[in-house]
């Protein structure tokens, strides 16, 4: 599968499972035969928009693009300009 296809499958499957809309693929890496896609989703819209809450997820897919699992790794406000830390680093 092409990288773009892997990212699209991860975004769709995560959106279907969580109910959140408009996920954005921000990272992709291959681990042995599987793929890990990093996806951001607006989990809570706010006014002003800079206060939206963004969740960052790792989505694990097999070589065919089938979901193996997912995990939220970070959360931040959209307007935050500092680098966010993965939960393992906290």
PDB file of N, CA and C in Angstrom:
ATOM      1  N   UNK A   1       0.834  -1.186   0.000  1.00  0.00           N
ATOM      2  CA  UNK A   1       0.000   0.000   0.000  1.00  0.00           C
ATOM      3  C   UNK A   1       0.881   1.253   0.000  1.00  0.00           C
ATOM      4  N   UNK A   2       0.359   2.291  -0.613  1.00  0.00           N
ATOM      5  CA  UNK A   2       1.050   3.578  -0.651  1.00  0.00           C
ATOM      6  C   UNK A   2       0.869   4.302   0.682  1.00  0.00           C
ATOM      7  N   UNK A   3       1.856   5.136   1.094  1.00  0.00           N
ATOM      8  CA  UNK A   3       1.734   5.871   2.349  1.00  0.00           C
ATOM      9  C   UNK A   3       0.433   6.678   2.468  1.00  0.00           C
ATOM     10  N   UNK A   4       0.014   7.321   1.394  1.00  0.00           N
ATOM     11  CA  UNK A   4      -1.219   8.112   1.438  1.00  0.00           C
ATOM     12  C   UNK A   4      -2.427   7.226   1.771  1.00  0.00           C
ATOM     13  N   UNK A   5      -2.467   6.026   1.209  1.00  0.00           N
ATOM     14  CA  UNK A   5      -3.564   5.087   1.481  1.00  0.00           C
ATOM     15  C   UNK A   5      -3.565   4.657   2.950  1.00  0.00           C
ATOM     16  N   UNK A   6      -2.382   4.402   3.485  1.00  0.00           N
ATOM     17  CA  UNK A   6      -2.261   3.997   4.893  1.00  0.00           C
ATOM     18  C   UNK A   6      -2.793   5.112   5.796  1.00  0.00           C
ATOM     19  N   UNK A   7      -2.379   6.344   5.527  1.00  0.00           N
ATOM     20  CA  UNK A   7      -2.818   7.482   6.346  1.00  0.00           C
ATOM     21  C   UNK A   7      -4.335   7.652   6.254  1.00  0.00           C
ATOM     22  N   UNK A   8      -4.891   7.563   5.052  1.00  0.00           N
ATOM     23  CA  UNK A   8      -6.344   7.722   4.880  1.00  0.00           C
ATOM     24  C   UNK A   8      -7.112   6.634   5.622  1.00  0.00           C
ATOM     25  N   UNK A   9      -6.623   5.395   5.567  1.00  0.00           N
ATOM     26  CA  UNK A   9      -7.287   4.307   6.291  1.00  0.00           C
ATOM     27  C   UNK A   9      -7.243   4.549   7.798  1.00  0.00           C
ATOM     28  N   UNK A  10      -6.110   4.993   8.299  1.00  0.00           N
ATOM     29  CA  UNK A  10      -5.980   5.265   9.735  1.00  0.00           C
ATOM     30  C   UNK A  10      -6.935   6.366  10.163  1.00  0.00           C
ATOM     31  N   UNK A  11      -6.993   7.456   9.390  1.00  0.00           N
ATOM     32  CA  UNK A  11      -7.885   8.573   9.715  1.00  0.00           C
ATOM     33  C   UNK A  11      -9.341   8.119   9.730  1.00  0.00           C
ATOM     34  N   UNK A  12      -9.750   7.376   8.716  1.00  0.00           N
ATOM     35  CA  UNK A  12     -11.140   6.931   8.628  1.00  0.00           C
ATOM     36  C   UNK A  12     -11.500   6.000   9.776  1.00  0.00           C
ATOM     37  N   UNK A  13     -10.641   5.033  10.053  1.00  0.00           N
ATOM     38  CA  UNK A  13     -10.937   4.073  11.111  1.00  0.00           C
ATOM     39  C   UNK A  13     -10.984   4.750  12.478  1.00  0.00           C
ATOM     40  N   UNK A  14     -10.068   5.688  12.736  1.00  0.00           N
ATOM     41  CA  UNK A  14     -10.082   6.401  14.009  1.00  0.00           C
ATOM     42  C   UNK A  14     -11.337   7.260  14.134  1.00  0.00           C
ATOM     43  N   UNK A  15     -11.704   7.961  13.070  1.00  0.00           N
ATOM     44  CA  UNK A  15     -12.914   8.789  13.097  1.00  0.00           C
ATOM     45  C   UNK A  15     -14.150   7.922  13.318  1.00  0.00           C
ATOM     46  N   UNK A  16     -14.215   6.767  12.670  1.00  0.00           N
ATOM     47  CA  UNK A  16     -15.352   5.865  12.853  1.00  0.00           C
ATOM     48  C   UNK A  16     -15.460   5.384  14.301  1.00  0.00           C
ATOM     49  N   UNK A  17     -14.336   5.076  14.910  1.00  0.00           N
ATOM     50  CA  UNK A  17     -14.340   4.559  16.284  1.00  0.00           C
ATOM     51  C   UNK A  17     -14.620   5.631  17.329  1.00  0.00           C
ATOM     52  N   UNK A  18     -14.070   6.821  17.136  1.00  0.00           N
ATOM     53  CA  UNK A  18     -14.186   7.865  18.154  1.00  0.00           C
ATOM     54  C   UNK A  18     -15.386   8.777  17.940  1.00  0.00           C
ATOM     55  N   UNK A  19     -15.874   8.855  16.717  1.00  0.00           N
ATOM     56  CA  UNK A  19     -16.959   9.770  16.407  1.00  0.00           C
ATOM     57  C   UNK A  19     -16.505  11.196  16.145  1.00  0.00           C
ATOM     58  N   UNK A  20     -15.222  11.478  16.290  1.00  0.00           N
ATOM     59  CA  UNK A  20     -14.698  12.806  16.004  1.00  0.00           C
ATOM     60  C   UNK A  20     -14.532  12.963  14.492  1.00  0.00           C
ATOM     61  N   UNK A  21     -14.679  14.197  14.027  1.00  0.00           N
ATOM     62  CA  UNK A  21     -14.613  14.461  12.594  1.00  0.00           C
ATOM     63  C   UNK A  21     -13.308  15.159  12.210  1.00  0.00           C
ATOM     64  N   UNK A  22     -12.975  15.055  10.950  1.00  0.00           N
ATOM     65  CA  UNK A  22     -11.850  15.761  10.325  1.00  0.00           C
ATOM     66  C   UNK A  22     -10.485  15.471  10.948  1.00  0.00           C
ATOM     67  N   UNK A  23     -10.113  14.199  11.064  1.00  0.00           N
ATOM     68  CA  UNK A  23      -8.759  13.906  11.553  1.00  0.00           C
ATOM     69  C   UNK A  23      -7.714  14.331  10.535  1.00  0.00           C
ATOM     70  N   UNK A  24      -6.528  14.637  11.033  1.00  0.00           N
ATOM     71  CA  UNK A  24      -5.410  15.028  10.171  1.00  0.00           C
ATOM     72  C   UNK A  24      -4.230  14.108  10.446  1.00  0.00           C
ATOM     73  N   UNK A  25      -3.704  13.482   9.411  1.00  0.00           N
ATOM     74  CA  UNK A  25      -2.514  12.653   9.557  1.00  0.00           C
ATOM     75  C   UNK A  25      -1.286  13.532   9.660  1.00  0.00           C
ATOM     76  N   UNK A  26      -0.505  13.358  10.735  1.00  0.00           N
ATOM     77  CA  UNK A  26       0.681  14.209  10.905  1.00  0.00           C
ATOM     78  C   UNK A  26       1.971  13.409  10.970  1.00  0.00           C
ATOM     79  N   UNK A  27       1.870  12.078  10.933  1.00  0.00           N
ATOM     80  CA  UNK A  27       3.089  11.283  10.973  1.00  0.00           C
ATOM     81  C   UNK A  27       2.838   9.858  10.512  1.00  0.00           C
ATOM     82  N   UNK A  28       3.871   9.220   9.999  1.00  0.00           N
ATOM     83  CA  UNK A  28       3.775   7.847   9.515  1.00  0.00           C
ATOM     84  C   UNK A  28       5.127   7.181   9.698  1.00  0.00           C
ATOM     85  N   UNK A  29       5.114   5.981  10.274  1.00  0.00           N
ATOM     86  CA  UNK A  29       6.353   5.207  10.353  1.00  0.00           C
ATOM     87  C   UNK A  29       6.024   3.732  10.233  1.00  0.00           C
ATOM     88  N   UNK A  30       6.987   2.994   9.733  1.00  0.00           N
ATOM     89  CA  UNK A  30       6.833   1.554   9.566  1.00  0.00           C
ATOM     90  C   UNK A  30       7.572   0.861  10.696  1.00  0.00           C
ATOM     91  N   UNK A  31       6.901  -0.100  11.312  1.00  0.00           N
ATOM     92  CA  UNK A  31       7.514  -0.915  12.362  1.00  0.00           C
ATOM     93  C   UNK A  31       7.382  -2.367  11.950  1.00  0.00           C
ATOM     94  N   UNK A  32       8.466  -2.941  11.497  1.00  0.00           N
ATOM     95  CA  UNK A  32       8.494  -4.298  10.947  1.00  0.00           C
ATOM     96  C   UNK A  32       7.486  -4.379   9.815  1.00  0.00           C
ATOM     97  N   UNK A  33       6.461  -5.214   9.930  1.00  0.00           N
ATOM     98  CA  UNK A  33       5.467  -5.355   8.862  1.00  0.00           C
ATOM     99  C   UNK A  33       4.286  -4.412   9.031  1.00  0.00           C
ATOM    100  N   UNK A  34       4.202  -3.706  10.151  1.00  0.00           N
ATOM    101  CA  UNK A  34       3.043  -2.869  10.468  1.00  0.00           C
ATOM    102  C   UNK A  34       3.344  -1.385  10.300  1.00  0.00           C
ATOM    103  N   UNK A  35       2.289  -0.569  10.388  1.00  0.00           N
ATOM    104  CA  UNK A  35       2.389   0.877  10.266  1.00  0.00           C
ATOM    105  C   UNK A  35       1.881   1.548  11.527  1.00  0.00           C
ATOM    106  N   UNK A  36       2.491   2.694  11.866  1.00  0.00           N
ATOM    107  CA  UNK A  36       2.007   3.549  12.946  1.00  0.00           C
ATOM    108  C   UNK A  36       1.769   4.924  12.347  1.00  0.00           C
ATOM    109  N   UNK A  37       0.515   5.373  12.429  1.00  0.00           N
ATOM    110  CA  UNK A  37       0.138   6.671  11.888  1.00  0.00           C
ATOM    111  C   UNK A  37      -0.210   7.585  13.059  1.00  0.00           C
ATOM    112  N   UNK A  38       0.360   8.775  13.092  1.00  0.00           N
ATOM    113  CA  UNK A  38       0.032   9.766  14.113  1.00  0.00           C
ATOM    114  C   UNK A  38      -1.035  10.678  13.532  1.00  0.00           C
ATOM    115  N   UNK A  39      -2.134  10.818  14.279  1.00  0.00           N
ATOM    116  CA  UNK A  39      -3.304  11.554  13.804  1.00  0.00           C
ATOM    117  C   UNK A  39      -3.730  12.562  14.865  1.00  0.00           C
ATOM    118  N   UNK A  40      -4.085  13.760  14.423  1.00  0.00           N
ATOM    119  CA  UNK A  40      -4.654  14.766  15.325  1.00  0.00           C
ATOM    120  C   UNK A  40      -6.122  14.965  14.978  1.00  0.00           C
ATOM    121  N   UNK A  41      -6.936  15.143  16.026  1.00  0.00           N
ATOM    122  CA  UNK A  41      -8.372  15.354  15.862  1.00  0.00           C
ATOM    123  C   UNK A  41      -8.812  16.462  16.809  1.00  0.00           C
ATOM    124  N   UNK A  42      -9.672  17.356  16.329  1.00  0.00           N
ATOM    125  CA  UNK A  42     -10.293  18.342  17.208  1.00  0.00           C
ATOM    126  C   UNK A  42     -11.340  17.588  18.031  1.00  0.00           C
ATOM    127  N   UNK A  43     -11.100  17.502  19.342  1.00  0.00           N
ATOM    128  CA  UNK A  43     -12.013  16.783  20.223  1.00  0.00           C
ATOM    129  C   UNK A  43     -13.082  17.683  20.827  1.00  0.00           C
ATOM    130  N   UNK A  44     -12.781  18.982  20.928  1.00  0.00           N
ATOM    131  CA  UNK A  44     -13.750  19.918  21.485  1.00  0.00           C
ATOM    132  C   UNK A  44     -13.557  21.266  20.820  1.00  0.00           C
ATOM    133  N   UNK A  45     -14.586  21.727  20.116  1.00  0.00           N
ATOM    134  CA  UNK A  45     -14.538  23.049  19.496  1.00  0.00           C
ATOM    135  C   UNK A  45     -14.828  24.099  20.554  1.00  0.00           C
ATOM    136  N   UNK A  46     -14.158  25.235  20.446  1.00  0.00           N
ATOM    137  CA  UNK A  46     -14.316  26.320  21.405  1.00  0.00           C
ATOM    138  C   UNK A  46     -14.346  27.656  20.681  1.00  0.00           C
ATOM    139  N   UNK A  47     -14.767  28.655  21.410  1.00  0.00           N
ATOM    140  CA  UNK A  47     -14.694  30.034  20.930  1.00  0.00           C
ATOM    141  C   UNK A  47     -13.848  30.777  21.949  1.00  0.00           C
ATOM    142  N   UNK A  48     -12.732  31.346  21.555  1.00  0.00           N
ATOM    143  CA  UNK A  48     -12.194  31.418  20.202  1.00  0.00           C
ATOM    144  C   UNK A  48     -11.624  30.075  19.754  1.00  0.00           C
ATOM    145  N   UNK A  49     -11.443  29.947  18.440  1.00  0.00           N
ATOM    146  CA  UNK A  49     -10.966  28.707  17.837  1.00  0.00           C
ATOM    147  C   UNK A  49      -9.627  28.247  18.409  1.00  0.00           C
ATOM    148  N   UNK A  50      -8.792  29.176  18.829  1.00  0.00           N
ATOM    149  CA  UNK A  50      -7.486  28.841  19.396  1.00  0.00           C
ATOM    150  C   UNK A  50      -7.569  28.042  20.684  1.00  0.00           C
ATOM    151  N   UNK A  51      -8.759  27.945  21.258  1.00  0.00           N
ATOM    152  CA  UNK A  51      -8.950  27.175  22.488  1.00  0.00           C
ATOM    153  C   UNK A  51      -9.496  25.773  22.216  1.00  0.00           C
ATOM    154  N   UNK A  52      -9.676  25.410  20.927  1.00  0.00           N
ATOM    155  CA  UNK A  52     -10.106  24.052  20.591  1.00  0.00           C
ATOM    156  C   UNK A  52      -9.161  23.046  21.249  1.00  0.00           C
ATOM    157  N   UNK A  53      -9.700  21.913  21.674  1.00  0.00           N
ATOM    158  CA  UNK A  53      -8.881  20.861  22.271  1.00  0.00           C
ATOM    159  C   UNK A  53      -8.552  19.838  21.189  1.00  0.00           C
ATOM    160  N   UNK A  54      -7.249  19.602  21.005  1.00  0.00           N
ATOM    161  CA  UNK A  54      -6.743  18.687  19.981  1.00  0.00           C
ATOM    162  C   UNK A  54      -6.199  17.432  20.662  1.00  0.00           C
ATOM    163  N   UNK A  55      -6.658  16.269  20.222  1.00  0.00           N
ATOM    164  CA  UNK A  55      -6.115  14.994  20.690  1.00  0.00           C
ATOM    165  C   UNK A  55      -5.171  14.440  19.650  1.00  0.00           C
ATOM    166  N   UNK A  56      -4.041  13.909  20.103  1.00  0.00           N
ATOM    167  CA  UNK A  56      -3.074  13.275  19.204  1.00  0.00           C
ATOM    168  C   UNK A  56      -3.076  11.780  19.495  1.00  0.00           C
ATOM    169  N   UNK A  57      -3.232  11.000  18.448  1.00  0.00           N
ATOM    170  CA  UNK A  57      -3.367   9.548  18.574  1.00  0.00           C
ATOM    171  C   UNK A  57      -2.316   8.837  17.737  1.00  0.00           C
ATOM    172  N   UNK A  58      -1.902   7.662  18.198  1.00  0.00           N
ATOM    173  CA  UNK A  58      -1.126   6.737  17.381  1.00  0.00           C
ATOM    174  C   UNK A  58      -2.077   5.630  16.971  1.00  0.00           C
ATOM    175  N   UNK A  59      -2.168   5.414  15.663  1.00  0.00           N
ATOM    176  CA  UNK A  59      -3.042   4.378  15.114  1.00  0.00           C
ATOM    177  C   UNK A  59      -2.142   3.300  14.523  1.00  0.00           C
ATOM    178  N   UNK A  60      -2.322   2.072  14.975  1.00  0.00           N
ATOM    179  CA  UNK A  60      -1.495   0.949  14.528  1.00  0.00           C
ATOM    180  C   UNK A  60      -2.279   0.127  13.508  1.00  0.00           C
ATOM    181  N   UNK A  61      -1.668  -0.057  12.329  1.00  0.00           N
ATOM    182  CA  UNK A  61      -2.289  -0.813  11.243  1.00  0.00           C
ATOM    183  C   UNK A  61      -1.368  -1.928  10.791  1.00  0.00           C
ATOM    184  N   UNK A  62      -1.971  -3.017  10.294  1.00  0.00           N
ATOM    185  CA  UNK A  62      -1.141  -4.080   9.725  1.00  0.00           C
ATOM    186  C   UNK A  62      -0.743  -3.702   8.303  1.00  0.00           C
ATOM    187  N   UNK A  63      -0.023  -4.584   7.623  1.00  0.00           N
ATOM    188  CA  UNK A  63       0.493  -4.294   6.285  1.00  0.00           C
ATOM    189  C   UNK A  63      -0.621  -4.036   5.268  1.00  0.00           C
ATOM    190  N   UNK A  64      -1.831  -4.557   5.522  1.00  0.00           N
ATOM    191  CA  UNK A  64      -2.967  -4.369   4.618  1.00  0.00           C
ATOM    192  C   UNK A  64      -3.802  -3.149   4.987  1.00  0.00           C
ATOM    193  N   UNK A  65      -3.424  -2.441   6.054  1.00  0.00           N
ATOM    194  CA  UNK A  65      -4.165  -1.255   6.463  1.00  0.00           C
ATOM    195  C   UNK A  65      -5.303  -1.530   7.424  1.00  0.00           C
ATOM    196  N   UNK A  66      -5.343  -2.735   7.978  1.00  0.00           N
ATOM    197  CA  UNK A  66      -6.391  -3.078   8.944  1.00  0.00           C
ATOM    198  C   UNK A  66      -5.965  -2.635  10.338  1.00  0.00           C
ATOM    199  N   UNK A  67      -6.913  -2.098  11.082  1.00  0.00           N
ATOM    200  CA  UNK A  67      -6.647  -1.562  12.411  1.00  0.00           C
ATOM    201  C   UNK A  67      -6.211  -2.658  13.385  1.00  0.00           C
ATOM    202  N   UNK A  68      -5.093  -2.414  14.061  1.00  0.00           N
ATOM    203  CA  UNK A  68      -4.628  -3.295  15.129  1.00  0.00           C
ATOM    204  C   UNK A  68      -4.931  -2.677  16.490  1.00  0.00           C
ATOM    205  N   UNK A  69      -4.933  -1.348  16.561  1.00  0.00           N
ATOM    206  CA  UNK A  69      -5.215  -0.649  17.807  1.00  0.00           C
ATOM    207  C   UNK A  69      -4.897   0.824  17.673  1.00  0.00           C
ATOM    208  N   UNK A  70      -5.319   1.591  18.688  1.00  0.00           N
ATOM    209  CA  UNK A  70      -5.002   3.016  18.710  1.00  0.00           C
ATOM    210  C   UNK A  70      -4.871   3.460  20.152  1.00  0.00           C
ATOM    211  N   UNK A  71      -4.177   4.593  20.337  1.00  0.00           N
ATOM    212  CA  UNK A  71      -3.948   5.112  21.685  1.00  0.00           C
ATOM    213  C   UNK A  71      -3.786   6.628  21.611  1.00  0.00           C
ATOM    214  N   UNK A  72      -4.459   7.326  22.540  1.00  0.00           N
ATOM    215  CA  UNK A  72      -4.246   8.769  22.642  1.00  0.00           C
ATOM    216  C   UNK A  72      -2.910   8.979  23.320  1.00  0.00           C
ATOM    217  N   UNK A  73      -2.051   9.787  22.705  1.00  0.00           N
ATOM    218  CA  UNK A  73      -0.718  10.001  23.267  1.00  0.00           C
ATOM    219  C   UNK A  73      -0.513  11.414  23.792  1.00  0.00           C
ATOM    220  N   UNK A  74      -1.412  12.344  23.416  1.00  0.00           N
ATOM    221  CA  UNK A  74      -1.251  13.724  23.885  1.00  0.00           C
ATOM    222  C   UNK A  74      -2.552  14.485  23.690  1.00  0.00           C
ATOM    223  N   UNK A  75      -2.646  15.617  24.400  1.00  0.00           N
ATOM    224  CA  UNK A  75      -3.768  16.520  24.255  1.00  0.00           C
ATOM    225  C   UNK A  75      -3.236  17.931  24.443  1.00  0.00           C
ATOM    226  N   UNK A  76      -3.779  18.873  23.665  1.00  0.00           N
ATOM    227  CA  UNK A  76      -3.330  20.256  23.777  1.00  0.00           C
ATOM    228  C   UNK A  76      -4.422  21.179  23.284  1.00  0.00           C
ATOM    229  N   UNK A  77      -4.285  22.455  23.591  1.00  0.00           N
ATOM    230  CA  UNK A  77      -5.167  23.457  23.022  1.00  0.00           C
ATOM    231  C   UNK A  77      -4.592  23.872  21.675  1.00  0.00           C
ATOM    232  N   UNK A  78      -5.450  24.135  20.728  1.00  0.00           N
ATOM    233  CA  UNK A  78      -5.018  24.474  19.372  1.00  0.00           C
ATOM    234  C   UNK A  78      -4.064  25.661  19.356  1.00  0.00           C
ATOM    235  N   UNK A  79      -4.281  26.631  20.229  1.00  0.00           N
ATOM    236  CA  UNK A  79      -3.451  27.824  20.250  1.00  0.00           C
ATOM    237  C   UNK A  79      -2.116  27.661  20.951  1.00  0.00           C
ATOM    238  N   UNK A  80      -1.882  26.504  21.584  1.00  0.00           N
ATOM    239  CA  UNK A  80      -0.603  26.296  22.266  1.00  0.00           C
ATOM    240  C   UNK A  80       0.526  26.280  21.245  1.00  0.00           C
ATOM    241  N   UNK A  81       1.559  27.063  21.523  1.00  0.00           N
ATOM    242  CA  UNK A  81       2.682  27.121  20.598  1.00  0.00           C
ATOM    243  C   UNK A  81       3.879  26.313  21.084  1.00  0.00           C
ATOM    244  N   UNK A  82       3.842  25.878  22.340  1.00  0.00           N
ATOM    245  CA  UNK A  82       4.934  25.054  22.860  1.00  0.00           C
ATOM    246  C   UNK A  82       4.787  23.639  22.336  1.00  0.00           C
ATOM    247  N   UNK A  83       5.908  22.940  22.211  1.00  0.00           N
ATOM    248  CA  UNK A  83       5.864  21.540  21.822  1.00  0.00           C
ATOM    249  C   UNK A  83       5.111  20.767  22.886  1.00  0.00           C
ATOM    250  N   UNK A  84       4.260  19.842  22.460  1.00  0.00           N
ATOM    251  CA  UNK A  84       3.568  19.007  23.422  1.00  0.00           C
ATOM    252  C   UNK A  84       4.395  17.767  23.702  1.00  0.00           C
ATOM    253  N   UNK A  85       4.183  17.200  24.882  1.00  0.00           N
ATOM    254  CA  UNK A  85       4.908  16.011  25.272  1.00  0.00           C
ATOM    255  C   UNK A  85       4.013  14.805  25.137  1.00  0.00           C
ATOM    256  N   UNK A  86       4.578  13.722  24.659  1.00  0.00           N
ATOM    257  CA  UNK A  86       3.850  12.468  24.657  1.00  0.00           C
ATOM    258  C   UNK A  86       3.685  12.034  26.104  1.00  0.00           C
ATOM    259  N   UNK A  87       2.628  11.315  26.359  1.00  0.00           N
ATOM    260  CA  UNK A  87       2.342  10.965  27.751  1.00  0.00           C
ATOM    261  C   UNK A  87       3.453  10.120  28.370  1.00  0.00           C
ATOM    262  N   UNK A  88       4.213   9.386  27.564  1.00  0.00           N
ATOM    263  CA  UNK A  88       5.316   8.593  28.120  1.00  0.00           C
ATOM    264  C   UNK A  88       6.411   9.476  28.708  1.00  0.00           C
ATOM    265  N   UNK A  89       6.509  10.719  28.207  1.00  0.00           N
ATOM    266  CA  UNK A  89       7.580  11.613  28.644  1.00  0.00           C
ATOM    267  C   UNK A  89       7.193  12.428  29.872  1.00  0.00           C
ATOM    268  N   UNK A  90       5.901  12.431  30.227  1.00  0.00           N
ATOM    269  CA  UNK A  90       5.440  13.239  31.363  1.00  0.00           C
ATOM    270  C   UNK A  90       5.853  12.648  32.684  1.00  0.00           C
TER     271      UNK A  90
END
